[in-house]
Amino acid sequence: KPERPVVMIDEVPWNEFRDHEELKL
């Protein structure tokens, strides 16, 4: 009983963003 289609983004190559300050552990 959809209101509209949904959009998801999954299985992201996180290793490529490791230098982003927001992701540094």
mmCIF file of all heavy atoms, coordinates in Angstrom:
data_MODEL
# 
_entry.id   MODEL 
# 
loop_
_atom_site.group_PDB 
_atom_site.id 
_atom_site.type_symbol 
_atom_site.label_atom_id 
_atom_site.label_alt_id 
_atom_site.label_comp_id 
_atom_site.label_asym_id 
_atom_site.label_entity_id 
_atom_site.label_seq_id 
_atom_site.pdbx_PDB_ins_code 
_atom_site.Cartn_x 
_atom_site.Cartn_y 
_atom_site.Cartn_z 
_atom_site.occupancy 
_atom_site.B_iso_or_equiv 
_atom_site.pdbx_formal_charge 
_atom_site.auth_seq_id 
_atom_site.auth_comp_id 
_atom_site.auth_asym_id 
_atom_site.auth_atom_id 
_atom_site.pdbx_PDB_model_num 
ATOM 1   N N   . LYS A 1 1  ? 0.862  -1.184 0.000  1.00 0.00 ? 1  LYS A N   1 
ATOM 2   C CA  . LYS A 1 1  ? 0.000  0.000  0.000  1.00 0.00 ? 1  LYS A CA  1 
ATOM 3   C C   . LYS A 1 1  ? 0.902  1.239  0.000  1.00 0.00 ? 1  LYS A C   1 
ATOM 4   O O   . LYS A 1 1  ? 0.883  2.056  0.918  1.00 0.00 ? 1  LYS A O   1 
ATOM 5   C CB  . LYS A 1 1  ? -0.907 -0.004 1.224  1.00 0.00 ? 1  LYS A CB  1 
ATOM 6   C CG  . LYS A 1 1  ? -1.845 -1.211 1.279  1.00 0.00 ? 1  LYS A CG  1 
ATOM 7   C CD  . LYS A 1 1  ? -2.653 -1.217 2.576  1.00 0.00 ? 1  LYS A CD  1 
ATOM 8   C CE  . LYS A 1 1  ? -3.556 -2.442 2.643  1.00 0.00 ? 1  LYS A CE  1 
ATOM 9   N NZ  . LYS A 1 1  ? -4.330 -2.501 3.915  1.00 0.00 ? 1  LYS A NZ  1 
ATOM 10  N N   . PRO A 1 2  ? 1.690  1.388  -1.066 1.00 0.00 ? 2  PRO A N   1 
ATOM 11  C CA  . PRO A 1 2  ? 2.740  2.413  -1.057 1.00 0.00 ? 2  PRO A CA  1 
ATOM 12  C C   . PRO A 1 2  ? 2.214  3.829  -1.183 1.00 0.00 ? 2  PRO A C   1 
ATOM 13  O O   . PRO A 1 2  ? 1.224  4.095  -1.858 1.00 0.00 ? 2  PRO A O   1 
ATOM 14  C CB  . PRO A 1 2  ? 3.574  2.047  -2.289 1.00 0.00 ? 2  PRO A CB  1 
ATOM 15  C CG  . PRO A 1 2  ? 2.581  1.425  -3.228 1.00 0.00 ? 2  PRO A CG  1 
ATOM 16  C CD  . PRO A 1 2  ? 1.665  0.627  -2.337 1.00 0.00 ? 2  PRO A CD  1 
ATOM 17  N N   . GLU A 1 3  ? 2.895  4.737  -0.481 1.00 0.00 ? 3  GLU A N   1 
ATOM 18  C CA  . GLU A 1 3  ? 2.663  6.165  -0.664 1.00 0.00 ? 3  GLU A CA  1 
ATOM 19  C C   . GLU A 1 3  ? 3.491  6.649  -1.840 1.00 0.00 ? 3  GLU A C   1 
ATOM 20  O O   . GLU A 1 3  ? 3.047  7.454  -2.644 1.00 0.00 ? 3  GLU A O   1 
ATOM 21  C CB  . GLU A 1 3  ? 3.038  6.904  0.618  1.00 0.00 ? 3  GLU A CB  1 
ATOM 22  C CG  . GLU A 1 3  ? 2.851  8.405  0.559  1.00 0.00 ? 3  GLU A CG  1 
ATOM 23  C CD  . GLU A 1 3  ? 3.184  9.062  1.883  1.00 0.00 ? 3  GLU A CD  1 
ATOM 24  O OE1 . GLU A 1 3  ? 2.821  8.523  2.946  1.00 0.00 ? 3  GLU A OE1 1 
ATOM 25  O OE2 . GLU A 1 3  ? 3.818  10.142 1.847  1.00 0.00 ? 3  GLU A OE2 1 
ATOM 26  N N   . ARG A 1 4  ? 4.712  6.148  -1.924 1.00 0.00 ? 4  ARG A N   1 
ATOM 27  C CA  . ARG A 1 4  ? 5.619  6.385  -3.049 1.00 0.00 ? 4  ARG A CA  1 
ATOM 28  C C   . ARG A 1 4  ? 6.743  5.365  -2.960 1.00 0.00 ? 4  ARG A C   1 
ATOM 29  O O   . ARG A 1 4  ? 6.943  4.724  -1.915 1.00 0.00 ? 4  ARG A O   1 
ATOM 30  C CB  . ARG A 1 4  ? 6.191  7.804  -3.000 1.00 0.00 ? 4  ARG A CB  1 
ATOM 31  C CG  . ARG A 1 4  ? 7.095  8.057  -1.797 1.00 0.00 ? 4  ARG A CG  1 
ATOM 32  C CD  . ARG A 1 4  ? 7.941  9.293  -2.023 1.00 0.00 ? 4  ARG A CD  1 
ATOM 33  N NE  . ARG A 1 4  ? 8.724  9.698  -0.860 1.00 0.00 ? 4  ARG A NE  1 
ATOM 34  C CZ  . ARG A 1 4  ? 9.901  9.153  -0.518 1.00 0.00 ? 4  ARG A CZ  1 
ATOM 35  N NH1 . ARG A 1 4  ? 10.416 8.160  -1.219 1.00 0.00 ? 4  ARG A NH1 1 
ATOM 36  N NH2 . ARG A 1 4  ? 10.546 9.587  0.561  1.00 0.00 ? 4  ARG A NH2 1 
ATOM 37  N N   . PRO A 1 5  ? 7.521  5.173  -4.039 1.00 0.00 ? 5  PRO A N   1 
ATOM 38  C CA  . PRO A 1 5  ? 8.678  4.273  -3.956 1.00 0.00 ? 5  PRO A CA  1 
ATOM 39  C C   . PRO A 1 5  ? 9.715  4.812  -2.971 1.00 0.00 ? 5  PRO A C   1 
ATOM 40  O O   . PRO A 1 5  ? 9.817  6.028  -2.772 1.00 0.00 ? 5  PRO A O   1 
ATOM 41  C CB  . PRO A 1 5  ? 9.238  4.274  -5.383 1.00 0.00 ? 5  PRO A CB  1 
ATOM 42  C CG  . PRO A 1 5  ? 8.096  4.701  -6.242 1.00 0.00 ? 5  PRO A CG  1 
ATOM 43  C CD  . PRO A 1 5  ? 7.301  5.675  -5.403 1.00 0.00 ? 5  PRO A CD  1 
ATOM 44  N N   . VAL A 1 6  ? 10.460 3.914  -2.351 1.00 0.00 ? 6  VAL A N   1 
ATOM 45  C CA  . VAL A 1 6  ? 11.545 4.324  -1.457 1.00 0.00 ? 6  VAL A CA  1 
ATOM 46  C C   . VAL A 1 6  ? 12.887 4.082  -2.138 1.00 0.00 ? 6  VAL A C   1 
ATOM 47  O O   . VAL A 1 6  ? 13.004 3.254  -3.048 1.00 0.00 ? 6  VAL A O   1 
ATOM 48  C CB  . VAL A 1 6  ? 11.493 3.571  -0.105 1.00 0.00 ? 6  VAL A CB  1 
ATOM 49  C CG1 . VAL A 1 6  ? 10.282 3.982  0.687  1.00 0.00 ? 6  VAL A CG1 1 
ATOM 50  C CG2 . VAL A 1 6  ? 11.547 2.067  -0.302 1.00 0.00 ? 6  VAL A CG2 1 
ATOM 51  N N   . VAL A 1 7  ? 13.896 4.799  -1.671 1.00 0.00 ? 7  VAL A N   1 
ATOM 52  C CA  . VAL A 1 7  ? 15.248 4.707  -2.223 1.00 0.00 ? 7  VAL A CA  1 
ATOM 53  C C   . VAL A 1 7  ? 16.220 4.424  -1.088 1.00 0.00 ? 7  VAL A C   1 
ATOM 54  O O   . VAL A 1 7  ? 16.209 5.118  -0.064 1.00 0.00 ? 7  VAL A O   1 
ATOM 55  C CB  . VAL A 1 7  ? 15.658 6.019  -2.928 1.00 0.00 ? 7  VAL A CB  1 
ATOM 56  C CG1 . VAL A 1 7  ? 17.106 5.927  -3.431 1.00 0.00 ? 7  VAL A CG1 1 
ATOM 57  C CG2 . VAL A 1 7  ? 14.713 6.335  -4.071 1.00 0.00 ? 7  VAL A CG2 1 
ATOM 58  N N   . MET A 1 8  ? 17.045 3.396  -1.267 1.00 0.00 ? 8  MET A N   1 
ATOM 59  C CA  . MET A 1 8  ? 18.065 3.063  -0.280 1.00 0.00 ? 8  MET A CA  1 
ATOM 60  C C   . MET A 1 8  ? 19.428 2.970  -0.949 1.00 0.00 ? 8  MET A C   1 
ATOM 61  O O   . MET A 1 8  ? 19.522 2.646  -2.133 1.00 0.00 ? 8  MET A O   1 
ATOM 62  C CB  . MET A 1 8  ? 17.748 1.724  0.397  1.00 0.00 ? 8  MET A CB  1 
ATOM 63  C CG  . MET A 1 8  ? 16.527 1.724  1.272  1.00 0.00 ? 8  MET A CG  1 
ATOM 64  S SD  . MET A 1 8  ? 16.130 0.040  1.833  1.00 0.00 ? 8  MET A SD  1 
ATOM 65  C CE  . MET A 1 8  ? 17.723 -0.503 2.458  1.00 0.00 ? 8  MET A CE  1 
ATOM 66  N N   . ILE A 1 9  ? 20.469 3.229  -0.180 1.00 0.00 ? 9  ILE A N   1 
ATOM 67  C CA  . ILE A 1 9  ? 21.847 3.031  -0.637 1.00 0.00 ? 9  ILE A CA  1 
ATOM 68  C C   . ILE A 1 9  ? 22.527 2.126  0.376  1.00 0.00 ? 9  ILE A C   1 
ATOM 69  O O   . ILE A 1 9  ? 22.564 2.426  1.573  1.00 0.00 ? 9  ILE A O   1 
ATOM 70  C CB  . ILE A 1 9  ? 22.602 4.365  -0.768 1.00 0.00 ? 9  ILE A CB  1 
ATOM 71  C CG1 . ILE A 1 9  ? 21.921 5.258  -1.800 1.00 0.00 ? 9  ILE A CG1 1 
ATOM 72  C CG2 . ILE A 1 9  ? 24.059 4.119  -1.140 1.00 0.00 ? 9  ILE A CG2 1 
ATOM 73  C CD1 . ILE A 1 9  ? 22.569 6.624  -1.962 1.00 0.00 ? 9  ILE A CD1 1 
ATOM 74  N N   . ASP A 1 10 ? 23.050 0.996  -0.102 1.00 0.00 ? 10 ASP A N   1 
ATOM 75  C CA  . ASP A 1 10 ? 23.624 -0.006 0.795  1.00 0.00 ? 10 ASP A CA  1 
ATOM 76  C C   . ASP A 1 10 ? 24.924 -0.532 0.198  1.00 0.00 ? 10 ASP A C   1 
ATOM 77  O O   . ASP A 1 10 ? 25.243 -0.282 -0.963 1.00 0.00 ? 10 ASP A O   1 
ATOM 78  C CB  . ASP A 1 10 ? 22.620 -1.149 0.990  1.00 0.00 ? 10 ASP A CB  1 
ATOM 79  C CG  . ASP A 1 10 ? 22.848 -1.920 2.278  1.00 0.00 ? 10 ASP A CG  1 
ATOM 80  O OD1 . ASP A 1 10 ? 23.867 -1.672 2.944  1.00 0.00 ? 10 ASP A OD1 1 
ATOM 81  O OD2 . ASP A 1 10 ? 22.012 -2.768 2.623  1.00 0.00 ? 10 ASP A OD2 1 
ATOM 82  N N   . GLU A 1 11 ? 25.685 -1.251 1.013  1.00 0.00 ? 11 GLU A N   1 
ATOM 83  C CA  . GLU A 1 11 ? 26.955 -1.855 0.585  1.00 0.00 ? 11 GLU A CA  1 
ATOM 84  C C   . GLU A 1 11 ? 27.883 -0.801 -0.039 1.00 0.00 ? 11 GLU A C   1 
ATOM 85  O O   . GLU A 1 11 ? 28.355 -0.916 -1.155 1.00 0.00 ? 11 GLU A O   1 
ATOM 86  C CB  . GLU A 1 11 ? 26.696 -3.014 -0.369 1.00 0.00 ? 11 GLU A CB  1 
ATOM 87  C CG  . GLU A 1 11 ? 25.902 -4.144 0.275  1.00 0.00 ? 11 GLU A CG  1 
ATOM 88  C CD  . GLU A 1 11 ? 25.714 -5.346 -0.600 1.00 0.00 ? 11 GLU A CD  1 
ATOM 89  O OE1 . GLU A 1 11 ? 25.624 -5.188 -1.836 1.00 0.00 ? 11 GLU A OE1 1 
ATOM 90  O OE2 . GLU A 1 11 ? 25.650 -6.465 -0.064 1.00 0.00 ? 11 GLU A OE2 1 
ATOM 91  N N   . VAL A 1 12 ? 28.105 0.237  0.736  1.00 0.00 ? 12 VAL A N   1 
ATOM 92  C CA  . VAL A 1 12 ? 28.961 1.358  0.336  1.00 0.00 ? 12 VAL A CA  1 
ATOM 93  C C   . VAL A 1 12 ? 30.437 0.974  0.505  1.00 0.00 ? 12 VAL A C   1 
ATOM 94  O O   . VAL A 1 12 ? 30.797 0.306  1.481  1.00 0.00 ? 12 VAL A O   1 
ATOM 95  C CB  . VAL A 1 12 ? 28.625 2.593  1.201  1.00 0.00 ? 12 VAL A CB  1 
ATOM 96  C CG1 . VAL A 1 12 ? 29.619 3.725  0.964  1.00 0.00 ? 12 VAL A CG1 1 
ATOM 97  C CG2 . VAL A 1 12 ? 27.196 3.049  0.929  1.00 0.00 ? 12 VAL A CG2 1 
ATOM 98  N N   . PRO A 1 13 ? 31.322 1.368  -0.407 1.00 0.00 ? 13 PRO A N   1 
ATOM 99  C CA  . PRO A 1 13 ? 32.758 1.091  -0.255 1.00 0.00 ? 13 PRO A CA  1 
ATOM 100 C C   . PRO A 1 13 ? 33.396 2.037  0.761  1.00 0.00 ? 13 PRO A C   1 
ATOM 101 O O   . PRO A 1 13 ? 34.108 2.979  0.410  1.00 0.00 ? 13 PRO A O   1 
ATOM 102 C CB  . PRO A 1 13 ? 33.310 1.309  -1.673 1.00 0.00 ? 13 PRO A CB  1 
ATOM 103 C CG  . PRO A 1 13 ? 32.405 2.349  -2.258 1.00 0.00 ? 13 PRO A CG  1 
ATOM 104 C CD  . PRO A 1 13 ? 31.038 2.040  -1.690 1.00 0.00 ? 13 PRO A CD  1 
ATOM 105 N N   . TRP A 1 14 ? 33.139 1.744  2.037  1.00 0.00 ? 14 TRP A N   1 
ATOM 106 C CA  . TRP A 1 14 ? 33.561 2.660  3.096  1.00 0.00 ? 14 TRP A CA  1 
ATOM 107 C C   . TRP A 1 14 ? 35.069 2.868  3.134  1.00 0.00 ? 14 TRP A C   1 
ATOM 108 O O   . TRP A 1 14 ? 35.552 3.915  3.582  1.00 0.00 ? 14 TRP A O   1 
ATOM 109 C CB  . TRP A 1 14 ? 33.059 2.148  4.444  1.00 0.00 ? 14 TRP A CB  1 
ATOM 110 C CG  . TRP A 1 14 ? 31.583 2.238  4.582  1.00 0.00 ? 14 TRP A CG  1 
ATOM 111 C CD1 . TRP A 1 14 ? 30.674 1.218  4.538  1.00 0.00 ? 14 TRP A CD1 1 
ATOM 112 C CD2 . TRP A 1 14 ? 30.808 3.441  4.769  1.00 0.00 ? 14 TRP A CD2 1 
ATOM 113 N NE1 . TRP A 1 14 ? 29.392 1.697  4.686  1.00 0.00 ? 14 TRP A NE1 1 
ATOM 114 C CE2 . TRP A 1 14 ? 29.443 3.057  4.827  1.00 0.00 ? 14 TRP A CE2 1 
ATOM 115 C CE3 . TRP A 1 14 ? 31.138 4.784  4.892  1.00 0.00 ? 14 TRP A CE3 1 
ATOM 116 C CZ2 . TRP A 1 14 ? 28.418 3.986  5.006  1.00 0.00 ? 14 TRP A CZ2 1 
ATOM 117 C CZ3 . TRP A 1 14 ? 30.123 5.711  5.072  1.00 0.00 ? 14 TRP A CZ3 1 
ATOM 118 C CH2 . TRP A 1 14 ? 28.779 5.309  5.122  1.00 0.00 ? 14 TRP A CH2 1 
ATOM 119 N N   . ASN A 1 15 ? 35.811 1.886  2.683  1.00 0.00 ? 15 ASN A N   1 
ATOM 120 C CA  . ASN A 1 15 ? 37.270 2.015  2.690  1.00 0.00 ? 15 ASN A CA  1 
ATOM 121 C C   . ASN A 1 15 ? 37.745 3.215  1.870  1.00 0.00 ? 15 ASN A C   1 
ATOM 122 O O   . ASN A 1 15 ? 38.814 3.776  2.126  1.00 0.00 ? 15 ASN A O   1 
ATOM 123 C CB  . ASN A 1 15 ? 37.910 0.742  2.140  1.00 0.00 ? 15 ASN A CB  1 
ATOM 124 C CG  . ASN A 1 15 ? 37.462 0.439  0.721  1.00 0.00 ? 15 ASN A CG  1 
ATOM 125 O OD1 . ASN A 1 15 ? 36.286 0.132  0.503  1.00 0.00 ? 15 ASN A OD1 1 
ATOM 126 N ND2 . ASN A 1 15 ? 38.353 0.524  -0.245 1.00 0.00 ? 15 ASN A ND2 1 
ATOM 127 N N   . GLU A 1 16 ? 36.947 3.625  0.901  1.00 0.00 ? 16 GLU A N   1 
ATOM 128 C CA  . GLU A 1 16 ? 37.345 4.750  0.059  1.00 0.00 ? 16 GLU A CA  1 
ATOM 129 C C   . GLU A 1 16 ? 37.151 6.099  0.745  1.00 0.00 ? 16 GLU A C   1 
ATOM 130 O O   . GLU A 1 16 ? 37.637 7.120  0.259  1.00 0.00 ? 16 GLU A O   1 
ATOM 131 C CB  . GLU A 1 16 ? 36.564 4.713  -1.259 1.00 0.00 ? 16 GLU A CB  1 
ATOM 132 C CG  . GLU A 1 16 ? 36.870 3.491  -2.111 1.00 0.00 ? 16 GLU A CG  1 
ATOM 133 C CD  . GLU A 1 16 ? 36.216 3.523  -3.487 1.00 0.00 ? 16 GLU A CD  1 
ATOM 134 O OE1 . GLU A 1 16 ? 35.413 4.449  -3.761 1.00 0.00 ? 16 GLU A OE1 1 
ATOM 135 O OE2 . GLU A 1 16 ? 36.511 2.620  -4.285 1.00 0.00 ? 16 GLU A OE2 1 
ATOM 136 N N   . PHE A 1 17 ? 36.431 6.092  1.864  1.00 0.00 ? 17 PHE A N   1 
ATOM 137 C CA  . PHE A 1 17 ? 36.149 7.352  2.559  1.00 0.00 ? 17 PHE A CA  1 
ATOM 138 C C   . PHE A 1 17 ? 36.861 7.447  3.909  1.00 0.00 ? 17 PHE A C   1 
ATOM 139 O O   . PHE A 1 17 ? 36.539 8.297  4.735  1.00 0.00 ? 17 PHE A O   1 
ATOM 140 C CB  . PHE A 1 17 ? 34.636 7.510  2.788  1.00 0.00 ? 17 PHE A CB  1 
ATOM 141 C CG  . PHE A 1 17 ? 33.829 7.422  1.533  1.00 0.00 ? 17 PHE A CG  1 
ATOM 142 C CD1 . PHE A 1 17 ? 32.649 6.691  1.502  1.00 0.00 ? 17 PHE A CD1 1 
ATOM 143 C CD2 . PHE A 1 17 ? 34.249 8.045  0.379  1.00 0.00 ? 17 PHE A CD2 1 
ATOM 144 C CE1 . PHE A 1 17 ? 31.896 6.605  0.343  1.00 0.00 ? 17 PHE A CE1 1 
ATOM 145 C CE2 . PHE A 1 17 ? 33.504 7.968  -0.794 1.00 0.00 ? 17 PHE A CE2 1 
ATOM 146 C CZ  . PHE A 1 17 ? 32.322 7.252  -0.807 1.00 0.00 ? 17 PHE A CZ  1 
ATOM 147 N N   . ARG A 1 18 ? 37.816 6.566  4.129  1.00 0.00 ? 18 ARG A N   1 
ATOM 148 C CA  . ARG A 1 18 ? 38.449 6.492  5.443  1.00 0.00 ? 18 ARG A CA  1 
ATOM 149 C C   . ARG A 1 18 ? 39.181 7.767  5.840  1.00 0.00 ? 18 ARG A C   1 
ATOM 150 O O   . ARG A 1 18 ? 39.391 8.031  7.025  1.00 0.00 ? 18 ARG A O   1 
ATOM 151 C CB  . ARG A 1 18 ? 39.419 5.305  5.482  1.00 0.00 ? 18 ARG A CB  1 
ATOM 152 C CG  . ARG A 1 18 ? 40.700 5.575  4.761  1.00 0.00 ? 18 ARG A CG  1 
ATOM 153 C CD  . ARG A 1 18 ? 41.725 4.520  5.079  1.00 0.00 ? 18 ARG A CD  1 
ATOM 154 N NE  . ARG A 1 18 ? 41.664 3.470  4.090  1.00 0.00 ? 18 ARG A NE  1 
ATOM 155 C CZ  . ARG A 1 18 ? 42.124 2.250  4.307  1.00 0.00 ? 18 ARG A CZ  1 
ATOM 156 N NH1 . ARG A 1 18 ? 42.595 1.934  5.473  1.00 0.00 ? 18 ARG A NH1 1 
ATOM 157 N NH2 . ARG A 1 18 ? 42.094 1.357  3.366  1.00 0.00 ? 18 ARG A NH2 1 
ATOM 158 N N   . ASP A 1 19 ? 39.582 8.577  4.871  1.00 0.00 ? 19 ASP A N   1 
ATOM 159 C CA  . ASP A 1 19 ? 40.321 9.800  5.187  1.00 0.00 ? 19 ASP A CA  1 
ATOM 160 C C   . ASP A 1 19 ? 39.408 10.949 5.594  1.00 0.00 ? 19 ASP A C   1 
ATOM 161 O O   . ASP A 1 19 ? 39.895 12.008 6.003  1.00 0.00 ? 19 ASP A O   1 
ATOM 162 C CB  . ASP A 1 19 ? 41.181 10.219 3.985  1.00 0.00 ? 19 ASP A CB  1 
ATOM 163 C CG  . ASP A 1 19 ? 42.331 9.253  3.735  1.00 0.00 ? 19 ASP A CG  1 
ATOM 164 O OD1 . ASP A 1 19 ? 42.767 8.609  4.709  1.00 0.00 ? 19 ASP A OD1 1 
ATOM 165 O OD2 . ASP A 1 19 ? 42.774 9.143  2.581  1.00 0.00 ? 19 ASP A OD2 1 
ATOM 166 N N   . HIS A 1 20 ? 38.090 10.742 5.474  1.00 0.00 ? 20 HIS A N   1 
ATOM 167 C CA  . HIS A 1 20 ? 37.168 11.784 5.921  1.00 0.00 ? 20 HIS A CA  1 
ATOM 168 C C   . HIS A 1 20 ? 37.233 11.884 7.450  1.00 0.00 ? 20 HIS A C   1 
ATOM 169 O O   . HIS A 1 20 ? 37.116 10.882 8.155  1.00 0.00 ? 20 HIS A O   1 
ATOM 170 C CB  . HIS A 1 20 ? 35.743 11.461 5.478  1.00 0.00 ? 20 HIS A CB  1 
ATOM 171 C CG  . HIS A 1 20 ? 35.496 11.757 4.028  1.00 0.00 ? 20 HIS A CG  1 
ATOM 172 N ND1 . HIS A 1 20 ? 34.817 12.871 3.608  1.00 0.00 ? 20 HIS A ND1 1 
ATOM 173 C CD2 . HIS A 1 20 ? 35.858 11.094 2.902  1.00 0.00 ? 20 HIS A CD2 1 
ATOM 174 C CE1 . HIS A 1 20 ? 34.762 12.872 2.280  1.00 0.00 ? 20 HIS A CE1 1 
ATOM 175 N NE2 . HIS A 1 20 ? 35.379 11.804 1.834  1.00 0.00 ? 20 HIS A NE2 1 
ATOM 176 N N   . GLU A 1 21 ? 37.393 13.079 7.934  1.00 0.00 ? 21 GLU A N   1 
ATOM 177 C CA  . GLU A 1 21 ? 37.544 13.286 9.372  1.00 0.00 ? 21 GLU A CA  1 
ATOM 178 C C   . GLU A 1 21 ? 36.357 12.723 10.145 1.00 0.00 ? 21 GLU A C   1 
ATOM 179 O O   . GLU A 1 21 ? 36.509 12.204 11.260 1.00 0.00 ? 21 GLU A O   1 
ATOM 180 C CB  . GLU A 1 21 ? 37.691 14.787 9.648  1.00 0.00 ? 21 GLU A CB  1 
ATOM 181 C CG  . GLU A 1 21 ? 38.307 15.107 10.992 1.00 0.00 ? 21 GLU A CG  1 
ATOM 182 C CD  . GLU A 1 21 ? 39.739 14.618 11.111 1.00 0.00 ? 21 GLU A CD  1 
ATOM 183 O OE1 . GLU A 1 21 ? 40.477 14.645 10.102 1.00 0.00 ? 21 GLU A OE1 1 
ATOM 184 O OE2 . GLU A 1 21 ? 40.107 14.205 12.232 1.00 0.00 ? 21 GLU A OE2 1 
ATOM 185 N N   . GLU A 1 22 ? 35.173 12.807 9.538  1.00 0.00 ? 22 GLU A N   1 
ATOM 186 C CA  . GLU A 1 22 ? 33.952 12.352 10.211 1.00 0.00 ? 22 GLU A CA  1 
ATOM 187 C C   . GLU A 1 22 ? 33.936 10.847 10.456 1.00 0.00 ? 22 GLU A C   1 
ATOM 188 O O   . GLU A 1 22 ? 33.169 10.362 11.290 1.00 0.00 ? 22 GLU A O   1 
ATOM 189 C CB  . GLU A 1 22 ? 32.730 12.717 9.359  1.00 0.00 ? 22 GLU A CB  1 
ATOM 190 C CG  . GLU A 1 22 ? 32.583 14.192 9.073  1.00 0.00 ? 22 GLU A CG  1 
ATOM 191 C CD  . GLU A 1 22 ? 31.744 14.428 7.831  1.00 0.00 ? 22 GLU A CD  1 
ATOM 192 O OE1 . GLU A 1 22 ? 30.507 14.362 7.949  1.00 0.00 ? 22 GLU A OE1 1 
ATOM 193 O OE2 . GLU A 1 22 ? 32.324 14.673 6.758  1.00 0.00 ? 22 GLU A OE2 1 
ATOM 194 N N   . LEU A 1 23 ? 34.764 10.095 9.726  1.00 0.00 ? 23 LEU A N   1 
ATOM 195 C CA  . LEU A 1 23 ? 34.754 8.637  9.830  1.00 0.00 ? 23 LEU A CA  1 
ATOM 196 C C   . LEU A 1 23 ? 35.960 8.075  10.586 1.00 0.00 ? 23 LEU A C   1 
ATOM 197 O O   . LEU A 1 23 ? 36.038 6.863  10.789 1.00 0.00 ? 23 LEU A O   1 
ATOM 198 C CB  . LEU A 1 23 ? 34.694 8.002  8.431  1.00 0.00 ? 23 LEU A CB  1 
ATOM 199 C CG  . LEU A 1 23 ? 33.379 8.189  7.668  1.00 0.00 ? 23 LEU A CG  1 
ATOM 200 C CD1 . LEU A 1 23 ? 33.517 7.661  6.246  1.00 0.00 ? 23 LEU A CD1 1 
ATOM 201 C CD2 . LEU A 1 23 ? 32.226 7.486  8.381  1.00 0.00 ? 23 LEU A CD2 1 
ATOM 202 N N   . LYS A 1 24 ? 36.878 8.916  11.009 1.00 0.00 ? 24 LYS A N   1 
ATOM 203 C CA  . LYS A 1 24 ? 38.078 8.429  11.690 1.00 0.00 ? 24 LYS A CA  1 
ATOM 204 C C   . LYS A 1 24 ? 37.733 7.995  13.112 1.00 0.00 ? 24 LYS A C   1 
ATOM 205 O O   . LYS A 1 24 ? 37.182 8.761  13.904 1.00 0.00 ? 24 LYS A O   1 
ATOM 206 C CB  . LYS A 1 24 ? 39.150 9.510  11.708 1.00 0.00 ? 24 LYS A CB  1 
ATOM 207 C CG  . LYS A 1 24 ? 39.752 9.774  10.335 1.00 0.00 ? 24 LYS A CG  1 
ATOM 208 C CD  . LYS A 1 24 ? 40.861 10.817 10.393 1.00 0.00 ? 24 LYS A CD  1 
ATOM 209 C CE  . LYS A 1 24 ? 41.469 11.038 9.013  1.00 0.00 ? 24 LYS A CE  1 
ATOM 210 N NZ  . LYS A 1 24 ? 42.534 12.079 9.036  1.00 0.00 ? 24 LYS A NZ  1 
ATOM 211 N N   . LEU A 1 25 ? 38.061 6.750  13.429 1.00 0.00 ? 25 LEU A N   1 
ATOM 212 C CA  . LEU A 1 25 ? 37.758 6.199  14.752 1.00 0.00 ? 25 LEU A CA  1 
ATOM 213 C C   . LEU A 1 25 ? 38.733 6.754  15.788 1.00 0.00 ? 25 LEU A C   1 
ATOM 214 O O   . LEU A 1 25 ? 39.929 6.854  15.554 1.00 0.00 ? 25 LEU A O   1 
ATOM 215 C CB  . LEU A 1 25 ? 37.840 4.677  14.706 1.00 0.00 ? 25 LEU A CB  1 
ATOM 216 C CG  . LEU A 1 25 ? 36.847 3.982  13.756 1.00 0.00 ? 25 LEU A CG  1 
ATOM 217 C CD1 . LEU A 1 25 ? 37.010 2.476  13.838 1.00 0.00 ? 25 LEU A CD1 1 
ATOM 218 C CD2 . LEU A 1 25 ? 35.413 4.383  14.064 1.00 0.00 ? 25 LEU A CD2 1 
# 
